[in-house]
N, C-alpha and C. Protein backbone atom coordinates (compact mmCIF):
# COMPACT_ATOMS: atom_id res chain seq x y z
N MET A 1 -1.87 -7.43 -25.17
CA MET A 1 -2.99 -8.19 -25.64
C MET A 1 -3.66 -7.43 -26.77
N ASP A 2 -4.06 -8.16 -27.76
CA ASP A 2 -4.73 -7.58 -28.91
C ASP A 2 -6.16 -7.22 -28.54
N LYS A 3 -6.59 -6.04 -28.91
CA LYS A 3 -7.94 -5.58 -28.61
C LYS A 3 -9.00 -6.52 -29.18
N ALA A 4 -8.68 -7.25 -30.23
CA ALA A 4 -9.65 -8.12 -30.89
C ALA A 4 -10.11 -9.28 -30.01
N VAL A 5 -9.39 -9.63 -28.96
CA VAL A 5 -9.80 -10.77 -28.13
C VAL A 5 -10.86 -10.38 -27.12
N MET A 6 -11.15 -9.10 -26.97
CA MET A 6 -12.17 -8.68 -26.02
C MET A 6 -13.54 -9.04 -26.54
N ILE A 7 -14.42 -9.43 -25.64
CA ILE A 7 -15.76 -9.85 -26.03
C ILE A 7 -16.77 -8.73 -25.78
N GLY A 8 -16.71 -8.11 -24.62
CA GLY A 8 -17.71 -7.11 -24.24
C GLY A 8 -17.28 -5.69 -24.53
N LYS A 9 -18.01 -4.76 -23.94
CA LYS A 9 -17.78 -3.35 -24.21
C LYS A 9 -16.85 -2.71 -23.19
N LYS A 10 -16.73 -3.29 -21.99
CA LYS A 10 -15.89 -2.68 -20.95
C LYS A 10 -14.46 -3.17 -21.10
N ALA A 11 -13.57 -2.25 -21.37
CA ALA A 11 -12.15 -2.61 -21.48
C ALA A 11 -11.33 -1.37 -21.20
N GLU A 12 -10.16 -1.59 -20.66
CA GLU A 12 -9.23 -0.51 -20.35
C GLU A 12 -7.83 -0.97 -20.70
N GLN A 13 -6.94 -0.01 -20.84
CA GLN A 13 -5.54 -0.36 -21.05
C GLN A 13 -4.80 -0.16 -19.74
N ASP A 14 -3.90 -1.11 -19.41
CA ASP A 14 -3.09 -0.94 -18.22
C ASP A 14 -1.92 -0.02 -18.54
N LYS A 15 -1.03 0.20 -17.57
CA LYS A 15 0.10 1.12 -17.76
C LYS A 15 1.04 0.68 -18.86
N SER A 16 1.05 -0.61 -19.18
CA SER A 16 1.91 -1.13 -20.24
C SER A 16 1.23 -1.10 -21.61
N GLY A 17 -0.01 -0.63 -21.65
CA GLY A 17 -0.75 -0.59 -22.91
C GLY A 17 -1.48 -1.86 -23.24
N ASN A 18 -1.51 -2.83 -22.31
CA ASN A 18 -2.23 -4.08 -22.54
C ASN A 18 -3.72 -3.86 -22.32
N TRP A 19 -4.55 -4.53 -23.11
CA TRP A 19 -6.00 -4.42 -22.95
C TRP A 19 -6.49 -5.36 -21.87
N CYS A 20 -7.31 -4.83 -20.98
CA CYS A 20 -7.88 -5.61 -19.89
C CYS A 20 -9.40 -5.47 -19.93
N PHE A 21 -10.09 -6.42 -19.31
CA PHE A 21 -11.54 -6.44 -19.35
C PHE A 21 -12.10 -6.81 -17.99
N ASP A 22 -13.42 -6.75 -17.85
CA ASP A 22 -14.06 -7.04 -16.57
C ASP A 22 -14.29 -8.55 -16.40
N PHE A 23 -14.81 -8.94 -15.22
CA PHE A 23 -14.95 -10.36 -14.93
C PHE A 23 -15.97 -11.05 -15.83
N SER A 24 -17.01 -10.34 -16.26
CA SER A 24 -17.99 -10.99 -17.13
C SER A 24 -17.32 -11.43 -18.43
N ASP A 25 -16.42 -10.60 -18.96
CA ASP A 25 -15.67 -11.01 -20.15
C ASP A 25 -14.65 -12.09 -19.81
N ALA A 26 -14.04 -11.99 -18.64
CA ALA A 26 -13.09 -13.03 -18.22
C ALA A 26 -13.79 -14.38 -18.18
N TYR A 27 -15.01 -14.40 -17.65
CA TYR A 27 -15.75 -15.66 -17.57
C TYR A 27 -16.08 -16.20 -18.96
N ARG A 28 -16.43 -15.32 -19.88
CA ARG A 28 -16.70 -15.76 -21.25
C ARG A 28 -15.46 -16.39 -21.87
N HIS A 29 -14.30 -15.80 -21.59
CA HIS A 29 -13.04 -16.38 -22.09
C HIS A 29 -12.79 -17.74 -21.45
N LEU A 30 -13.05 -17.86 -20.13
CA LEU A 30 -12.91 -19.14 -19.45
C LEU A 30 -13.82 -20.19 -20.09
N ASP A 31 -15.04 -19.78 -20.40
CA ASP A 31 -16.01 -20.68 -21.02
C ASP A 31 -15.58 -21.10 -22.43
N ASN A 32 -14.70 -20.31 -23.04
CA ASN A 32 -14.15 -20.64 -24.36
C ASN A 32 -12.76 -21.27 -24.26
N ASN A 33 -12.50 -21.93 -23.13
CA ASN A 33 -11.26 -22.69 -22.89
C ASN A 33 -9.99 -21.85 -22.84
N LYS A 34 -10.10 -20.60 -22.42
CA LYS A 34 -8.93 -19.75 -22.21
C LYS A 34 -8.65 -19.68 -20.71
N SER A 35 -7.43 -19.34 -20.35
CA SER A 35 -7.08 -19.07 -18.95
C SER A 35 -6.95 -17.56 -18.80
N VAL A 36 -7.30 -17.05 -17.62
CA VAL A 36 -7.24 -15.61 -17.37
C VAL A 36 -6.53 -15.33 -16.05
N ALA A 37 -6.13 -14.08 -15.88
CA ALA A 37 -5.51 -13.62 -14.63
C ALA A 37 -5.81 -12.13 -14.48
N ARG A 38 -5.45 -11.58 -13.33
CA ARG A 38 -5.64 -10.14 -13.09
C ARG A 38 -4.29 -9.46 -13.02
N VAL A 39 -4.23 -8.26 -13.57
CA VAL A 39 -3.04 -7.44 -13.47
C VAL A 39 -2.73 -7.19 -11.99
N GLY A 40 -3.78 -6.99 -11.17
CA GLY A 40 -3.63 -6.72 -9.75
C GLY A 40 -2.99 -7.84 -8.95
N TRP A 41 -2.84 -9.02 -9.55
CA TRP A 41 -2.23 -10.15 -8.84
C TRP A 41 -0.72 -10.19 -9.00
N HIS A 42 -0.14 -9.43 -9.91
CA HIS A 42 1.30 -9.50 -10.13
C HIS A 42 2.04 -9.23 -8.83
N GLY A 43 3.04 -10.02 -8.58
CA GLY A 43 3.82 -9.88 -7.36
C GLY A 43 3.25 -10.67 -6.20
N LYS A 44 2.08 -11.26 -6.38
CA LYS A 44 1.47 -12.06 -5.32
C LYS A 44 1.64 -13.55 -5.58
N GLY A 45 2.25 -13.89 -6.70
CA GLY A 45 2.53 -15.28 -7.00
C GLY A 45 1.35 -16.05 -7.59
N LEU A 46 0.23 -15.38 -7.84
CA LEU A 46 -0.93 -16.06 -8.42
C LEU A 46 -0.76 -16.09 -9.93
N LEU A 47 -1.02 -17.23 -10.53
CA LEU A 47 -0.71 -17.38 -11.93
C LEU A 47 -1.89 -17.24 -12.86
N LYS A 48 -2.87 -18.14 -12.78
CA LYS A 48 -3.97 -18.08 -13.73
C LYS A 48 -5.19 -18.83 -13.21
N ILE A 49 -6.34 -18.49 -13.79
CA ILE A 49 -7.60 -19.16 -13.51
C ILE A 49 -7.99 -19.93 -14.76
N THR A 50 -8.46 -21.15 -14.59
CA THR A 50 -8.88 -22.00 -15.69
C THR A 50 -10.20 -22.67 -15.30
N MET A 51 -11.03 -22.99 -16.30
CA MET A 51 -12.26 -23.71 -16.04
C MET A 51 -12.04 -25.20 -16.28
N GLN A 52 -12.45 -26.02 -15.33
CA GLN A 52 -12.37 -27.47 -15.46
C GLN A 52 -13.76 -27.99 -15.76
N ARG A 53 -13.87 -28.79 -16.79
CA ARG A 53 -15.15 -29.41 -17.14
C ARG A 53 -15.08 -30.90 -16.82
N PRO A 54 -16.14 -31.43 -16.21
CA PRO A 54 -16.11 -32.85 -15.88
C PRO A 54 -16.19 -33.73 -17.13
N ASP A 55 -15.55 -34.88 -17.06
CA ASP A 55 -15.69 -35.88 -18.12
C ASP A 55 -16.33 -37.12 -17.50
N LYS A 56 -16.41 -38.21 -18.24
CA LYS A 56 -17.10 -39.40 -17.73
C LYS A 56 -16.41 -40.02 -16.51
N ASN A 57 -15.12 -39.69 -16.28
CA ASN A 57 -14.38 -40.24 -15.14
C ASN A 57 -14.34 -39.29 -13.95
N SER A 58 -14.93 -38.09 -14.08
CA SER A 58 -14.86 -37.09 -13.02
C SER A 58 -15.81 -37.41 -11.87
N LYS A 59 -15.39 -37.00 -10.69
CA LYS A 59 -16.25 -37.07 -9.53
C LYS A 59 -17.12 -35.81 -9.43
N MET A 60 -16.70 -34.74 -10.12
CA MET A 60 -17.45 -33.49 -10.13
C MET A 60 -18.57 -33.59 -11.16
N GLY A 61 -19.73 -33.03 -10.85
CA GLY A 61 -20.86 -33.11 -11.76
C GLY A 61 -21.05 -31.87 -12.62
N THR A 62 -20.29 -30.81 -12.33
CA THR A 62 -20.44 -29.57 -13.08
C THR A 62 -19.07 -28.89 -13.22
N SER A 63 -19.00 -27.91 -14.09
CA SER A 63 -17.74 -27.18 -14.29
C SER A 63 -17.39 -26.37 -13.05
N TYR A 64 -16.11 -26.13 -12.84
CA TYR A 64 -15.65 -25.30 -11.74
C TYR A 64 -14.37 -24.59 -12.16
N LEU A 65 -14.05 -23.52 -11.43
CA LEU A 65 -12.83 -22.75 -11.70
C LEU A 65 -11.74 -23.19 -10.73
N TYR A 66 -10.51 -23.20 -11.23
CA TYR A 66 -9.38 -23.45 -10.33
C TYR A 66 -8.27 -22.45 -10.63
N ILE A 67 -7.45 -22.22 -9.62
CA ILE A 67 -6.31 -21.31 -9.75
C ILE A 67 -5.03 -22.13 -9.69
N THR A 68 -4.10 -21.79 -10.56
CA THR A 68 -2.79 -22.45 -10.56
C THR A 68 -1.84 -21.60 -9.71
N MET A 69 -1.29 -22.22 -8.69
CA MET A 69 -0.39 -21.55 -7.76
C MET A 69 1.05 -21.60 -8.30
N PRO A 70 1.97 -20.80 -7.71
CA PRO A 70 3.35 -20.76 -8.21
C PRO A 70 4.05 -22.12 -8.22
N ASP A 71 3.67 -23.02 -7.30
CA ASP A 71 4.31 -24.33 -7.26
C ASP A 71 3.67 -25.33 -8.23
N GLY A 72 2.68 -24.86 -9.04
CA GLY A 72 2.03 -25.71 -10.01
C GLY A 72 0.79 -26.42 -9.49
N THR A 73 0.48 -26.24 -8.21
CA THR A 73 -0.70 -26.85 -7.62
C THR A 73 -1.96 -26.15 -8.13
N ASN A 74 -2.98 -26.92 -8.47
CA ASN A 74 -4.28 -26.37 -8.85
C ASN A 74 -5.25 -26.56 -7.70
N ILE A 75 -5.95 -25.47 -7.32
CA ILE A 75 -6.94 -25.57 -6.25
C ILE A 75 -8.23 -24.89 -6.70
N PRO A 76 -9.40 -25.38 -6.26
CA PRO A 76 -10.66 -24.73 -6.61
C PRO A 76 -10.63 -23.26 -6.18
N TRP A 77 -11.32 -22.42 -6.96
CA TRP A 77 -11.25 -20.97 -6.74
C TRP A 77 -12.62 -20.34 -6.93
N LEU A 78 -12.94 -19.37 -6.07
CA LEU A 78 -14.12 -18.52 -6.21
C LEU A 78 -13.65 -17.07 -6.23
N PRO A 79 -14.21 -16.24 -7.11
CA PRO A 79 -13.78 -14.83 -7.15
C PRO A 79 -14.27 -14.07 -5.93
N SER A 80 -13.45 -13.13 -5.47
CA SER A 80 -13.85 -12.24 -4.38
C SER A 80 -14.66 -11.08 -4.97
N GLN A 81 -15.22 -10.26 -4.11
CA GLN A 81 -15.94 -9.07 -4.59
C GLN A 81 -14.99 -8.14 -5.34
N THR A 82 -13.76 -8.05 -4.88
CA THR A 82 -12.77 -7.22 -5.57
C THR A 82 -12.48 -7.79 -6.95
N ASP A 83 -12.30 -9.11 -7.06
CA ASP A 83 -12.06 -9.73 -8.36
C ASP A 83 -13.21 -9.44 -9.33
N LEU A 84 -14.44 -9.51 -8.83
CA LEU A 84 -15.61 -9.29 -9.67
C LEU A 84 -15.74 -7.85 -10.16
N SER A 85 -15.24 -6.91 -9.39
CA SER A 85 -15.44 -5.49 -9.72
C SER A 85 -14.31 -4.86 -10.51
N ARG A 86 -13.19 -5.52 -10.67
CA ARG A 86 -12.04 -4.94 -11.35
C ARG A 86 -12.09 -5.12 -12.87
N VAL A 87 -11.51 -4.15 -13.56
CA VAL A 87 -11.39 -4.21 -15.01
C VAL A 87 -9.89 -4.35 -15.33
N ASP A 88 -9.29 -5.42 -14.78
CA ASP A 88 -7.87 -5.67 -15.03
C ASP A 88 -7.59 -7.13 -15.35
N TRP A 89 -8.59 -7.81 -15.90
CA TRP A 89 -8.45 -9.21 -16.32
C TRP A 89 -7.84 -9.27 -17.71
N TYR A 90 -7.05 -10.30 -17.96
CA TYR A 90 -6.44 -10.50 -19.27
C TYR A 90 -6.29 -11.99 -19.52
N ILE A 91 -6.13 -12.36 -20.79
CA ILE A 91 -5.95 -13.75 -21.17
C ILE A 91 -4.51 -14.17 -20.94
N VAL A 92 -4.31 -15.34 -20.35
CA VAL A 92 -2.99 -15.93 -20.16
C VAL A 92 -2.79 -16.95 -21.28
N GLU A 93 -1.79 -16.72 -22.08
CA GLU A 93 -1.52 -17.63 -23.21
C GLU A 93 -0.78 -18.87 -22.74
């Protein structure tokens, strides 16, 4: 990942040299229509987090996050305390 896509000041490089950031930056990327994931999820089959915004046909009244599972299913998602505290988030292209 290019260092230029980071928004905040907290960032680290993983073992592969990719730039990662904390959840506050991950949320800013989500708010800018990007999908994100954690390095710590590799091997667990979790793919990406995306923000869904309601439109005029939605039953939801506000934006929410969902996770895309390996089988392509999207389910609503809330971050855990571990997710919030890690600096291993990255943008999924």
